[in-house]
Amino acid sequence: MLRTLAWPPAHFALSLILHGKLRAKSYGLAKRRQALVVKRHFCYFFVFNFAASMRREMELNLFKV
């Protein structure tokens, strides 16, 4: 069976619940995943703001005539 870092074993969450743990002891994967989420949100924010500023600029140029 092929295992990757992105997909823990299917019994992982169930084993945590059965042992009364809310989360795993190791936060390594969670930290890396959180960093990727933050980077992705920053990129979305940058692209959205850039598009909005370009749109405003185009609207201002249209009304200058």
N, C-alpha and C. Protein backbone atom coordinates (compact mmCIF):
# COMPACT_ATOMS: atom_id res chain seq x y z
N MET A 1 0.84 -1.18 0.00
CA MET A 1 0.00 0.00 0.00
C MET A 1 0.89 1.24 0.00
N LEU A 2 0.56 2.18 -0.88
CA LEU A 2 1.33 3.41 -1.00
C LEU A 2 0.87 4.40 0.07
N ARG A 3 1.82 4.95 0.81
CA ARG A 3 1.49 5.94 1.83
C ARG A 3 2.23 7.24 1.52
N THR A 4 1.54 8.34 1.69
CA THR A 4 2.17 9.64 1.50
C THR A 4 1.98 10.45 2.76
N LEU A 5 2.71 11.54 2.86
CA LEU A 5 2.57 12.40 4.04
C LEU A 5 1.23 13.12 4.06
N ALA A 6 0.62 13.29 2.90
CA ALA A 6 -0.63 14.05 2.84
C ALA A 6 -1.82 13.26 3.38
N TRP A 7 -1.76 11.93 3.29
CA TRP A 7 -2.90 11.12 3.70
C TRP A 7 -2.50 10.14 4.80
N PRO A 8 -2.89 10.41 6.05
CA PRO A 8 -2.60 9.46 7.13
C PRO A 8 -3.45 8.21 6.95
N PRO A 9 -3.11 7.14 7.66
CA PRO A 9 -3.91 5.92 7.56
C PRO A 9 -5.37 6.17 7.93
N ALA A 10 -6.26 5.38 7.37
CA ALA A 10 -7.70 5.58 7.60
C ALA A 10 -8.06 5.43 9.07
N HIS A 11 -7.34 4.58 9.79
CA HIS A 11 -7.68 4.33 11.19
C HIS A 11 -7.09 5.38 12.13
N PHE A 12 -6.37 6.37 11.59
CA PHE A 12 -5.66 7.35 12.42
C PHE A 12 -6.62 8.14 13.32
N ALA A 13 -7.65 8.73 12.72
CA ALA A 13 -8.60 9.54 13.50
C ALA A 13 -9.36 8.67 14.49
N LEU A 14 -9.74 7.48 14.07
CA LEU A 14 -10.47 6.58 14.96
C LEU A 14 -9.61 6.17 16.15
N SER A 15 -8.32 5.91 15.90
CA SER A 15 -7.45 5.51 17.01
C SER A 15 -7.29 6.65 18.01
N LEU A 16 -7.25 7.89 17.52
CA LEU A 16 -7.15 9.03 18.45
C LEU A 16 -8.40 9.13 19.31
N ILE A 17 -9.56 8.93 18.69
CA ILE A 17 -10.82 9.01 19.44
C ILE A 17 -10.89 7.91 20.48
N LEU A 18 -10.51 6.69 20.10
CA LEU A 18 -10.56 5.56 21.03
C LEU A 18 -9.61 5.74 22.20
N HIS A 19 -8.51 6.44 21.99
CA HIS A 19 -7.57 6.68 23.07
C HIS A 19 -7.90 7.95 23.85
N GLY A 20 -8.99 8.61 23.50
CA GLY A 20 -9.42 9.80 24.22
C GLY A 20 -8.59 11.03 23.91
N LYS A 21 -7.92 11.04 22.77
CA LYS A 21 -7.09 12.18 22.40
C LYS A 21 -7.83 12.99 21.34
N LEU A 22 -7.76 14.29 21.47
CA LEU A 22 -8.39 15.15 20.47
C LEU A 22 -7.52 15.31 19.24
N ARG A 23 -6.20 15.25 19.43
CA ARG A 23 -5.30 15.41 18.28
C ARG A 23 -4.01 14.64 18.55
N ALA A 24 -3.22 14.51 17.54
CA ALA A 24 -1.98 13.76 17.64
C ALA A 24 -0.95 14.55 18.45
N LYS A 25 0.05 13.84 18.96
CA LYS A 25 1.11 14.50 19.72
C LYS A 25 2.00 15.35 18.80
N SER A 26 2.21 14.88 17.61
CA SER A 26 3.10 15.59 16.68
C SER A 26 2.30 16.61 15.88
N TYR A 27 2.77 17.84 15.89
CA TYR A 27 2.08 18.89 15.15
C TYR A 27 2.83 19.26 13.87
N GLY A 28 3.84 18.47 13.50
CA GLY A 28 4.66 18.80 12.34
C GLY A 28 3.86 18.96 11.06
N LEU A 29 3.04 17.96 10.75
CA LEU A 29 2.24 18.03 9.53
C LEU A 29 1.22 19.16 9.61
N ALA A 30 0.61 19.32 10.77
CA ALA A 30 -0.40 20.38 10.93
C ALA A 30 0.23 21.76 10.74
N LYS A 31 1.44 21.93 11.26
CA LYS A 31 2.10 23.23 11.11
C LYS A 31 2.42 23.51 9.64
N ARG A 32 2.92 22.50 8.94
CA ARG A 32 3.22 22.69 7.52
C ARG A 32 1.96 22.98 6.73
N ARG A 33 0.89 22.26 7.06
CA ARG A 33 -0.37 22.47 6.36
C ARG A 33 -0.89 23.88 6.63
N GLN A 34 -0.77 24.33 7.88
CA GLN A 34 -1.24 25.68 8.23
C GLN A 34 -0.44 26.73 7.47
N ALA A 35 0.87 26.51 7.35
CA ALA A 35 1.70 27.47 6.61
C ALA A 35 1.26 27.54 5.15
N LEU A 36 0.92 26.40 4.56
CA LEU A 36 0.46 26.40 3.18
C LEU A 36 -0.86 27.14 3.04
N VAL A 37 -1.75 26.96 4.02
CA VAL A 37 -3.05 27.65 3.99
C VAL A 37 -2.84 29.16 4.08
N VAL A 38 -1.96 29.59 4.97
CA VAL A 38 -1.69 31.02 5.13
C VAL A 38 -1.12 31.59 3.83
N LYS A 39 -0.17 30.87 3.21
CA LYS A 39 0.40 31.35 1.95
C LYS A 39 -0.66 31.45 0.87
N ARG A 40 -1.53 30.44 0.80
CA ARG A 40 -2.57 30.44 -0.23
C ARG A 40 -3.53 31.60 -0.02
N HIS A 41 -3.92 31.86 1.24
CA HIS A 41 -4.83 32.97 1.52
C HIS A 41 -4.18 34.31 1.20
N PHE A 42 -2.88 34.42 1.49
CA PHE A 42 -2.17 35.65 1.17
C PHE A 42 -2.18 35.89 -0.34
N CYS A 43 -1.95 34.82 -1.11
CA CYS A 43 -1.95 34.95 -2.57
C CYS A 43 -3.33 35.37 -3.07
N TYR A 44 -4.38 34.74 -2.53
CA TYR A 44 -5.74 35.11 -2.93
C TYR A 44 -6.00 36.58 -2.60
N PHE A 45 -5.58 37.01 -1.42
CA PHE A 45 -5.79 38.38 -0.98
C PHE A 45 -5.07 39.35 -1.92
N PHE A 46 -3.82 39.02 -2.26
CA PHE A 46 -3.04 39.88 -3.15
C PHE A 46 -3.68 39.97 -4.53
N VAL A 47 -4.07 38.84 -5.08
CA VAL A 47 -4.67 38.83 -6.42
C VAL A 47 -5.99 39.59 -6.42
N PHE A 48 -6.81 39.39 -5.38
CA PHE A 48 -8.10 40.07 -5.30
C PHE A 48 -7.90 41.58 -5.22
N ASN A 49 -6.97 42.02 -4.37
CA ASN A 49 -6.72 43.46 -4.24
C ASN A 49 -6.14 44.05 -5.51
N PHE A 50 -5.25 43.32 -6.16
CA PHE A 50 -4.66 43.80 -7.41
C PHE A 50 -5.74 43.95 -8.48
N ALA A 51 -6.61 42.96 -8.59
CA ALA A 51 -7.69 43.03 -9.59
C ALA A 51 -8.63 44.18 -9.28
N ALA A 52 -8.94 44.39 -8.00
CA ALA A 52 -9.84 45.48 -7.62
C ALA A 52 -9.21 46.83 -7.93
N SER A 53 -7.91 46.97 -7.66
CA SER A 53 -7.26 48.25 -7.94
C SER A 53 -7.18 48.51 -9.44
N MET A 54 -6.93 47.47 -10.22
CA MET A 54 -6.91 47.63 -11.68
C MET A 54 -8.29 48.01 -12.20
N ARG A 55 -9.32 47.40 -11.63
CA ARG A 55 -10.68 47.72 -12.04
C ARG A 55 -11.00 49.18 -11.74
N ARG A 56 -10.62 49.65 -10.55
CA ARG A 56 -10.85 51.05 -10.18
C ARG A 56 -10.10 52.00 -11.12
N GLU A 57 -8.86 51.63 -11.42
CA GLU A 57 -8.05 52.45 -12.32
C GLU A 57 -8.70 52.54 -13.70
N MET A 58 -9.18 51.43 -14.20
CA MET A 58 -9.83 51.43 -15.51
C MET A 58 -11.10 52.27 -15.50
N GLU A 59 -11.87 52.18 -14.42
CA GLU A 59 -13.10 52.98 -14.33
C GLU A 59 -12.78 54.47 -14.29
N LEU A 60 -11.73 54.84 -13.56
CA LEU A 60 -11.34 56.25 -13.50
C LEU A 60 -10.89 56.75 -14.86
N ASN A 61 -10.15 55.93 -15.58
CA ASN A 61 -9.68 56.32 -16.92
C ASN A 61 -10.83 56.44 -17.90
N LEU A 62 -11.86 55.64 -17.74
CA LEU A 62 -13.01 55.71 -18.63
C LEU A 62 -13.77 57.03 -18.46
N PHE A 63 -13.82 57.51 -17.22
CA PHE A 63 -14.59 58.73 -16.95
C PHE A 63 -13.78 60.00 -17.17
N LYS A 64 -12.50 59.90 -17.50
CA LYS A 64 -11.68 61.09 -17.73
C LYS A 64 -11.97 61.73 -19.08
N VAL A 65 -12.61 61.03 -19.97
CA VAL A 65 -12.84 61.53 -21.34
C VAL A 65 -13.71 62.72 -21.35
